[in-house]
Amino acid sequence: MEEIIPKLKSFLGLLIRTAGFTLRSIEARKEDEKTVKVELFVDGAGLMIGENGENIFSWEDVLNQWLRKNSEGFLRVWLDINSYRWQNEQRLRELAKKSAREAVLSKNPVRLPTMSSYERRIIHTELALHPNVATESEGKDPERRVIIKPI
């Protein structure tokens, strides 16, 4: 995996510049045996990130397709642009904790706003070991949401 990282960075840099963005830096490292974590910093990242971070997953898909063609074995890319995903995960974890407190204190379920499966998984994971609440998803995509119930 180590030998593919410089090639991946080079490909991504070319892709970014070709798309008309100004690249500040690319940090890439082996996260685990199958994951390359890429942190990208660009000027004017709003278009790259997209509404609610939707475009990040599209960029990630392009990189994963490139990896499948240019590396041996199964590898995947986890991409963050200007720390958007990291900040969003922190915000979701705080929302989960706050909503769990609210559910326990009010003794009523708390319905969170609709979220992507990725965001719902963060909420479920954050509260999985919480002794006083249970979580479940309800609805159909794209209107699926997490319900936090006191137990």
N, C-alpha and C. Protein backbone atom coordinates (compact mmCIF):
# COMPACT_ATOMS: atom_id res chain seq x y z
N MET A 1 0.82 -1.20 0.00
CA MET A 1 0.00 0.00 0.00
C MET A 1 0.86 1.26 0.00
N GLU A 2 1.97 1.22 0.70
CA GLU A 2 2.81 2.41 0.84
C GLU A 2 3.22 2.99 -0.51
N GLU A 3 3.48 2.12 -1.50
CA GLU A 3 3.96 2.59 -2.79
C GLU A 3 2.85 3.24 -3.62
N ILE A 4 1.60 2.96 -3.33
CA ILE A 4 0.50 3.53 -4.11
C ILE A 4 0.14 4.94 -3.64
N ILE A 5 0.47 5.29 -2.41
CA ILE A 5 0.07 6.58 -1.85
C ILE A 5 0.64 7.76 -2.64
N PRO A 6 1.94 7.80 -2.98
CA PRO A 6 2.43 8.92 -3.79
C PRO A 6 1.75 9.01 -5.16
N LYS A 7 1.45 7.88 -5.76
CA LYS A 7 0.76 7.88 -7.06
C LYS A 7 -0.67 8.40 -6.92
N LEU A 8 -1.33 8.01 -5.84
CA LEU A 8 -2.69 8.49 -5.57
C LEU A 8 -2.68 10.00 -5.37
N LYS A 9 -1.72 10.50 -4.59
CA LYS A 9 -1.61 11.94 -4.36
C LYS A 9 -1.37 12.68 -5.67
N SER A 10 -0.52 12.14 -6.51
CA SER A 10 -0.23 12.77 -7.80
C SER A 10 -1.48 12.81 -8.68
N PHE A 11 -2.20 11.69 -8.75
CA PHE A 11 -3.44 11.63 -9.52
C PHE A 11 -4.45 12.64 -9.00
N LEU A 12 -4.64 12.69 -7.68
CA LEU A 12 -5.61 13.60 -7.09
C LEU A 12 -5.21 15.05 -7.34
N GLY A 13 -3.93 15.37 -7.21
CA GLY A 13 -3.46 16.73 -7.48
C GLY A 13 -3.77 17.15 -8.90
N LEU A 14 -3.51 16.27 -9.86
CA LEU A 14 -3.81 16.55 -11.26
C LEU A 14 -5.31 16.75 -11.46
N LEU A 15 -6.11 15.90 -10.85
CA LEU A 15 -7.56 15.98 -10.95
C LEU A 15 -8.07 17.32 -10.40
N ILE A 16 -7.56 17.72 -9.25
CA ILE A 16 -7.98 18.96 -8.60
C ILE A 16 -7.64 20.16 -9.48
N ARG A 17 -6.40 20.20 -9.95
CA ARG A 17 -5.98 21.33 -10.78
C ARG A 17 -6.75 21.37 -12.10
N THR A 18 -7.00 20.21 -12.69
CA THR A 18 -7.76 20.15 -13.94
C THR A 18 -9.19 20.64 -13.74
N ALA A 19 -9.75 20.39 -12.57
CA ALA A 19 -11.10 20.84 -12.26
C ALA A 19 -11.14 22.34 -11.94
N GLY A 20 -9.98 22.99 -11.88
CA GLY A 20 -9.93 24.43 -11.68
C GLY A 20 -9.82 24.89 -10.24
N PHE A 21 -9.51 23.98 -9.33
CA PHE A 21 -9.36 24.35 -7.92
C PHE A 21 -7.89 24.63 -7.61
N THR A 22 -7.65 25.46 -6.62
CA THR A 22 -6.29 25.75 -6.17
C THR A 22 -5.96 24.84 -4.99
N LEU A 23 -5.02 23.96 -5.21
CA LEU A 23 -4.62 22.98 -4.21
C LEU A 23 -3.64 23.61 -3.23
N ARG A 24 -3.93 23.50 -1.93
CA ARG A 24 -2.99 23.94 -0.91
C ARG A 24 -2.14 22.79 -0.41
N SER A 25 -2.78 21.65 -0.11
CA SER A 25 -1.99 20.48 0.32
C SER A 25 -2.84 19.22 0.26
N ILE A 26 -2.12 18.10 0.13
CA ILE A 26 -2.74 16.78 0.20
C ILE A 26 -1.94 15.98 1.22
N GLU A 27 -2.63 15.47 2.22
CA GLU A 27 -2.01 14.57 3.18
C GLU A 27 -2.67 13.21 3.01
N ALA A 28 -1.87 12.19 2.81
CA ALA A 28 -2.42 10.84 2.64
C ALA A 28 -1.59 9.87 3.47
N ARG A 29 -2.28 8.96 4.14
CA ARG A 29 -1.57 7.98 4.95
C ARG A 29 -2.40 6.70 5.06
N LYS A 30 -1.73 5.65 5.37
CA LYS A 30 -2.38 4.36 5.60
C LYS A 30 -3.13 4.45 6.92
N GLU A 31 -4.44 4.27 6.86
CA GLU A 31 -5.27 4.33 8.08
C GLU A 31 -5.32 2.95 8.73
N ASP A 32 -5.52 1.93 7.92
CA ASP A 32 -5.48 0.54 8.36
C ASP A 32 -5.07 -0.29 7.15
N GLU A 33 -5.21 -1.60 7.24
CA GLU A 33 -4.73 -2.47 6.15
C GLU A 33 -5.43 -2.24 4.82
N LYS A 34 -6.63 -1.68 4.86
CA LYS A 34 -7.40 -1.53 3.62
C LYS A 34 -7.81 -0.10 3.32
N THR A 35 -7.43 0.84 4.16
CA THR A 35 -7.91 2.21 3.99
C THR A 35 -6.77 3.21 3.89
N VAL A 36 -6.88 4.07 2.88
CA VAL A 36 -5.98 5.21 2.74
C VAL A 36 -6.79 6.44 3.12
N LYS A 37 -6.35 7.16 4.14
CA LYS A 37 -7.03 8.38 4.57
C LYS A 37 -6.38 9.56 3.85
N VAL A 38 -7.20 10.33 3.14
CA VAL A 38 -6.71 11.47 2.37
C VAL A 38 -7.37 12.73 2.91
N GLU A 39 -6.54 13.68 3.33
CA GLU A 39 -7.03 14.97 3.78
C GLU A 39 -6.54 16.00 2.78
N LEU A 40 -7.49 16.67 2.16
CA LEU A 40 -7.23 17.59 1.07
C LEU A 40 -7.57 19.00 1.53
N PHE A 41 -6.71 19.95 1.20
CA PHE A 41 -6.97 21.35 1.52
C PHE A 41 -6.88 22.15 0.23
N VAL A 42 -7.99 22.83 -0.11
CA VAL A 42 -8.06 23.61 -1.34
C VAL A 42 -8.69 24.96 -1.05
N ASP A 43 -8.41 25.93 -1.92
CA ASP A 43 -9.09 27.22 -1.83
C ASP A 43 -10.45 27.08 -2.52
N GLY A 44 -11.45 27.77 -1.99
CA GLY A 44 -12.78 27.72 -2.59
C GLY A 44 -13.37 26.33 -2.61
N ALA A 45 -13.34 25.67 -1.47
CA ALA A 45 -13.74 24.26 -1.39
C ALA A 45 -15.24 24.03 -1.45
N GLY A 46 -16.04 25.07 -1.37
CA GLY A 46 -17.49 24.90 -1.32
C GLY A 46 -18.04 24.04 -2.44
N LEU A 47 -17.61 24.28 -3.67
CA LEU A 47 -18.07 23.47 -4.80
C LEU A 47 -17.59 22.04 -4.71
N MET A 48 -16.38 21.86 -4.22
CA MET A 48 -15.86 20.49 -4.08
C MET A 48 -16.61 19.72 -3.02
N ILE A 49 -16.97 20.40 -1.95
CA ILE A 49 -17.67 19.75 -0.84
C ILE A 49 -19.14 19.52 -1.19
N GLY A 50 -19.79 20.51 -1.77
CA GLY A 50 -21.20 20.39 -2.14
C GLY A 50 -22.12 20.56 -0.94
N GLU A 51 -23.41 20.60 -1.23
CA GLU A 51 -24.40 20.78 -0.18
C GLU A 51 -24.39 19.57 0.74
N ASN A 52 -24.26 19.82 2.03
CA ASN A 52 -24.20 18.77 3.05
C ASN A 52 -23.10 17.75 2.78
N GLY A 53 -22.03 18.17 2.11
CA GLY A 53 -20.89 17.30 1.88
C GLY A 53 -21.10 16.24 0.81
N GLU A 54 -22.18 16.36 0.03
CA GLU A 54 -22.52 15.32 -0.94
C GLU A 54 -21.43 15.09 -1.98
N ASN A 55 -20.76 16.14 -2.41
CA ASN A 55 -19.75 15.98 -3.46
C ASN A 55 -18.50 15.25 -2.98
N ILE A 56 -18.24 15.29 -1.69
CA ILE A 56 -17.07 14.58 -1.15
C ILE A 56 -17.15 13.10 -1.52
N PHE A 57 -18.34 12.54 -1.41
CA PHE A 57 -18.50 11.11 -1.71
C PHE A 57 -18.29 10.83 -3.20
N SER A 58 -18.63 11.79 -4.06
CA SER A 58 -18.39 11.61 -5.49
C SER A 58 -16.89 11.63 -5.79
N TRP A 59 -16.17 12.56 -5.18
CA TRP A 59 -14.71 12.59 -5.34
C TRP A 59 -14.11 11.29 -4.81
N GLU A 60 -14.62 10.85 -3.68
CA GLU A 60 -14.14 9.61 -3.07
C GLU A 60 -14.37 8.42 -4.01
N ASP A 61 -15.52 8.39 -4.66
CA ASP A 61 -15.81 7.31 -5.62
C ASP A 61 -14.81 7.30 -6.77
N VAL A 62 -14.48 8.48 -7.29
CA VAL A 62 -13.49 8.57 -8.38
C VAL A 62 -12.15 8.01 -7.91
N LEU A 63 -11.73 8.39 -6.70
CA LEU A 63 -10.46 7.90 -6.17
C LEU A 63 -10.49 6.39 -5.94
N ASN A 64 -11.61 5.88 -5.46
CA ASN A 64 -11.73 4.44 -5.24
C ASN A 64 -11.69 3.67 -6.56
N GLN A 65 -12.30 4.21 -7.60
CA GLN A 65 -12.22 3.57 -8.92
C GLN A 65 -10.78 3.57 -9.42
N TRP A 66 -10.08 4.68 -9.24
CA TRP A 66 -8.67 4.76 -9.65
C TRP A 66 -7.85 3.72 -8.89
N LEU A 67 -8.10 3.61 -7.59
CA LEU A 67 -7.36 2.65 -6.76
C LEU A 67 -7.59 1.21 -7.23
N ARG A 68 -8.83 0.88 -7.55
CA ARG A 68 -9.13 -0.48 -8.02
C ARG A 68 -8.34 -0.82 -9.28
N LYS A 69 -8.15 0.17 -10.14
CA LYS A 69 -7.43 -0.07 -11.40
C LYS A 69 -5.92 -0.03 -11.24
N ASN A 70 -5.43 0.61 -10.19
CA ASN A 70 -3.99 0.86 -10.08
C ASN A 70 -3.31 0.21 -8.88
N SER A 71 -4.03 -0.60 -8.14
CA SER A 71 -3.40 -1.26 -6.99
C SER A 71 -3.85 -2.72 -6.93
N GLU A 72 -3.06 -3.49 -6.25
CA GLU A 72 -3.41 -4.89 -6.04
C GLU A 72 -4.16 -5.02 -4.72
N GLY A 73 -5.08 -5.93 -4.67
CA GLY A 73 -5.83 -6.13 -3.44
C GLY A 73 -6.93 -5.10 -3.30
N PHE A 74 -7.67 -5.21 -2.23
CA PHE A 74 -8.79 -4.30 -1.98
C PHE A 74 -8.32 -3.15 -1.10
N LEU A 75 -8.40 -1.96 -1.63
CA LEU A 75 -8.10 -0.75 -0.87
C LEU A 75 -9.25 0.22 -1.08
N ARG A 76 -9.43 1.10 -0.11
CA ARG A 76 -10.44 2.14 -0.29
C ARG A 76 -9.90 3.45 0.26
N VAL A 77 -10.46 4.54 -0.24
CA VAL A 77 -10.07 5.88 0.17
C VAL A 77 -11.14 6.44 1.09
N TRP A 78 -10.71 7.08 2.15
CA TRP A 78 -11.59 7.89 2.98
C TRP A 78 -11.10 9.32 2.77
N LEU A 79 -11.94 10.17 2.19
CA LEU A 79 -11.54 11.52 1.80
C LEU A 79 -12.21 12.57 2.67
N ASP A 80 -11.41 13.54 3.09
CA ASP A 80 -11.94 14.72 3.77
C ASP A 80 -11.41 15.94 3.04
N ILE A 81 -12.24 16.94 2.88
CA ILE A 81 -11.85 18.18 2.19
C ILE A 81 -11.99 19.33 3.17
N ASN A 82 -10.87 20.02 3.41
CA ASN A 82 -10.82 21.16 4.33
C ASN A 82 -11.45 20.83 5.68
N SER A 83 -11.26 19.61 6.15
CA SER A 83 -11.75 19.11 7.45
C SER A 83 -13.27 19.12 7.57
N TYR A 84 -13.99 19.17 6.47
CA TYR A 84 -15.45 19.20 6.51
C TYR A 84 -16.02 17.96 7.19
N ARG A 85 -15.56 16.78 6.78
CA ARG A 85 -16.12 15.55 7.35
C ARG A 85 -15.81 15.44 8.83
N TRP A 86 -14.59 15.78 9.21
CA TRP A 86 -14.21 15.71 10.62
C TRP A 86 -15.10 16.63 11.45
N GLN A 87 -15.28 17.88 10.99
CA GLN A 87 -16.12 18.83 11.73
C GLN A 87 -17.57 18.36 11.78
N ASN A 88 -18.06 17.80 10.67
CA ASN A 88 -19.43 17.30 10.64
C ASN A 88 -19.62 16.13 11.60
N GLU A 89 -18.64 15.23 11.65
CA GLU A 89 -18.72 14.11 12.59
C GLU A 89 -18.76 14.60 14.03
N GLN A 90 -17.96 15.60 14.36
CA GLN A 90 -17.97 16.16 15.71
C GLN A 90 -19.33 16.76 16.02
N ARG A 91 -19.90 17.49 15.06
CA ARG A 91 -21.22 18.10 15.24
C ARG A 91 -22.28 17.02 15.47
N LEU A 92 -22.21 15.94 14.70
CA LEU A 92 -23.19 14.85 14.85
C LEU A 92 -23.04 14.13 16.19
N ARG A 93 -21.81 13.95 16.64
CA ARG A 93 -21.60 13.31 17.95
C ARG A 93 -22.18 14.17 19.07
N GLU A 94 -21.98 15.48 18.97
CA GLU A 94 -22.55 16.39 19.98
C GLU A 94 -24.08 16.36 19.93
N LEU A 95 -24.64 16.34 18.72
CA LEU A 95 -26.09 16.24 18.57
C LEU A 95 -26.61 14.95 19.20
N ALA A 96 -25.90 13.86 19.00
CA ALA A 96 -26.31 12.57 19.58
C ALA A 96 -26.33 12.65 21.10
N LYS A 97 -25.27 13.18 21.69
CA LYS A 97 -25.19 13.28 23.16
C LYS A 97 -26.29 14.19 23.71
N LYS A 98 -26.46 15.35 23.08
CA LYS A 98 -27.47 16.30 23.52
C LYS A 98 -28.87 15.69 23.42
N SER A 99 -29.14 15.01 22.32
CA SER A 99 -30.45 14.40 22.11
C SER A 99 -30.69 13.24 23.07
N ALA A 100 -29.65 12.50 23.41
CA ALA A 100 -29.77 11.41 24.39
C ALA A 100 -30.13 11.98 25.76
N ARG A 101 -29.46 13.07 26.15
CA ARG A 101 -29.79 13.72 27.43
C ARG A 101 -31.26 14.17 27.43
N GLU A 102 -31.68 14.77 26.32
CA GLU A 102 -33.05 15.24 26.21
C GLU A 102 -34.04 14.07 26.32
N ALA A 103 -33.76 12.97 25.66
CA ALA A 103 -34.65 11.80 25.71
C ALA A 103 -34.75 11.24 27.13
N VAL A 104 -33.62 11.16 27.81
CA VAL A 104 -33.61 10.62 29.18
C VAL A 104 -34.36 11.55 30.12
N LEU A 105 -34.10 12.85 30.04
CA LEU A 105 -34.75 13.81 30.94
C LEU A 105 -36.25 13.93 30.68
N SER A 106 -36.65 13.93 29.43
CA SER A 106 -38.07 14.10 29.09
C SER A 106 -38.84 12.79 29.12
N LYS A 107 -38.09 11.67 29.12
CA LYS A 107 -38.69 10.33 29.05
C LYS A 107 -39.53 10.15 27.77
N ASN A 108 -39.17 10.89 26.74
CA ASN A 108 -39.84 10.81 25.44
C ASN A 108 -38.82 10.60 24.34
N PRO A 109 -39.21 9.93 23.27
CA PRO A 109 -38.29 9.76 22.14
C PRO A 109 -37.94 11.10 21.50
N VAL A 110 -36.75 11.19 20.97
CA VAL A 110 -36.30 12.38 20.25
C VAL A 110 -36.08 11.98 18.80
N ARG A 111 -36.77 12.68 17.91
CA ARG A 111 -36.62 12.42 16.47
C ARG A 111 -35.65 13.43 15.88
N LEU A 112 -34.58 12.91 15.29
CA LEU A 112 -33.59 13.78 14.68
C LEU A 112 -34.01 14.11 13.25
N PRO A 113 -33.41 15.14 12.66
CA PRO A 113 -33.74 15.47 11.27
C PRO A 113 -33.32 14.34 10.33
N THR A 114 -33.83 14.36 9.11
CA THR A 114 -33.42 13.35 8.13
C THR A 114 -31.92 13.45 7.89
N MET A 115 -31.31 12.29 7.69
CA MET A 115 -29.86 12.21 7.52
C MET A 115 -29.51 11.14 6.51
N SER A 116 -28.30 11.25 5.98
CA SER A 116 -27.77 10.20 5.11
C SER A 116 -27.44 8.97 5.95
N SER A 117 -27.26 7.84 5.31
CA SER A 117 -26.91 6.62 6.04
C SER A 117 -25.58 6.80 6.77
N TYR A 118 -24.65 7.50 6.17
CA TYR A 118 -23.36 7.78 6.80
C TYR A 118 -23.55 8.56 8.10
N GLU A 119 -24.40 9.59 8.07
CA GLU A 119 -24.64 10.40 9.26
C GLU A 119 -25.40 9.61 10.32
N ARG A 120 -26.38 8.83 9.89
CA ARG A 120 -27.13 8.01 10.86
C ARG A 120 -26.22 7.02 11.56
N ARG A 121 -25.29 6.44 10.82
CA ARG A 121 -24.35 5.48 11.42
C ARG A 121 -23.52 6.16 12.51
N ILE A 122 -23.12 7.40 12.31
CA ILE A 122 -22.35 8.12 13.33
C ILE A 122 -23.19 8.26 14.61
N ILE A 123 -24.46 8.61 14.46
CA ILE A 123 -25.35 8.75 15.63
C ILE A 123 -25.50 7.41 16.34
N HIS A 124 -25.82 6.36 15.58
CA HIS A 124 -25.99 5.02 16.18
C HIS A 124 -24.72 4.58 16.91
N THR A 125 -23.58 4.78 16.28
CA THR A 125 -22.30 4.36 16.88
C THR A 125 -22.01 5.14 18.15
N GLU A 126 -22.27 6.44 18.12
CA GLU A 126 -22.00 7.29 19.29
C GLU A 126 -22.83 6.85 20.49
N LEU A 127 -24.05 6.40 20.26
CA LEU A 127 -24.95 6.06 21.37
C LEU A 127 -25.07 4.56 21.63
N ALA A 128 -24.33 3.76 20.90
CA ALA A 128 -24.45 2.30 21.01
C ALA A 128 -24.23 1.79 22.44
N LEU A 129 -23.32 2.38 23.16
CA LEU A 129 -23.02 1.92 24.52
C LEU A 129 -23.68 2.77 25.61
N HIS A 130 -24.51 3.71 25.20
CA HIS A 130 -25.20 4.56 26.17
C HIS A 130 -26.18 3.69 26.96
N PRO A 131 -26.09 3.70 28.28
CA PRO A 131 -26.91 2.77 29.08
C PRO A 131 -28.40 3.14 29.15
N ASN A 132 -28.75 4.38 28.82
CA ASN A 132 -30.12 4.82 29.06
C ASN A 132 -30.94 5.11 27.80
N VAL A 133 -30.36 4.88 26.63
CA VAL A 133 -31.11 5.12 25.39
C VAL A 133 -30.86 4.01 24.38
N ALA A 134 -31.80 3.88 23.46
CA ALA A 134 -31.66 2.99 22.31
C ALA A 134 -31.94 3.82 21.07
N THR A 135 -31.32 3.46 19.97
CA THR A 135 -31.54 4.19 18.72
C THR A 135 -32.10 3.26 17.66
N GLU A 136 -32.89 3.84 16.79
CA GLU A 136 -33.35 3.10 15.61
C GLU A 136 -33.60 4.11 14.50
N SER A 137 -33.51 3.63 13.27
CA SER A 137 -33.82 4.47 12.12
C SER A 137 -35.23 4.18 11.67
N GLU A 138 -35.92 5.22 11.18
CA GLU A 138 -37.27 5.04 10.66
C GLU A 138 -37.42 5.82 9.37
N GLY A 139 -38.40 5.41 8.58
CA GLY A 139 -38.67 6.08 7.32
C GLY A 139 -37.92 5.45 6.17
N LYS A 140 -38.14 6.01 4.99
CA LYS A 140 -37.48 5.53 3.78
C LYS A 140 -36.62 6.65 3.23
N ASP A 141 -35.48 6.25 2.67
CA ASP A 141 -34.59 7.25 2.07
C ASP A 141 -35.34 8.01 0.99
N PRO A 142 -35.15 9.29 0.86
CA PRO A 142 -34.18 10.12 1.55
C PRO A 142 -34.71 10.75 2.84
N GLU A 143 -35.86 10.30 3.31
CA GLU A 143 -36.47 10.88 4.51
C GLU A 143 -36.20 10.06 5.77
N ARG A 144 -35.18 9.25 5.77
CA ARG A 144 -34.87 8.38 6.90
C ARG A 144 -34.21 9.20 8.01
N ARG A 145 -34.57 8.89 9.24
CA ARG A 145 -34.06 9.63 10.41
C ARG A 145 -33.81 8.68 11.57
N VAL A 146 -33.07 9.16 12.56
CA VAL A 146 -32.80 8.39 13.78
C VAL A 146 -33.77 8.83 14.87
N ILE A 147 -34.29 7.84 15.58
CA ILE A 147 -35.11 8.08 16.76
C ILE A 147 -34.30 7.61 17.96
N ILE A 148 -34.19 8.48 18.97
CA ILE A 148 -33.47 8.14 20.21
C ILE A 148 -34.53 7.95 21.29
N LYS A 149 -34.59 6.72 21.84
CA LYS A 149 -35.63 6.38 22.81
C LYS A 149 -35.02 6.13 24.18
N PRO A 150 -35.64 6.68 25.22
CA PRO A 150 -35.17 6.36 26.58
C PRO A 150 -35.53 4.92 26.92
N ILE A 151 -34.66 4.26 27.69
CA ILE A 151 -34.97 2.89 28.12
C ILE A 151 -34.92 2.80 29.64
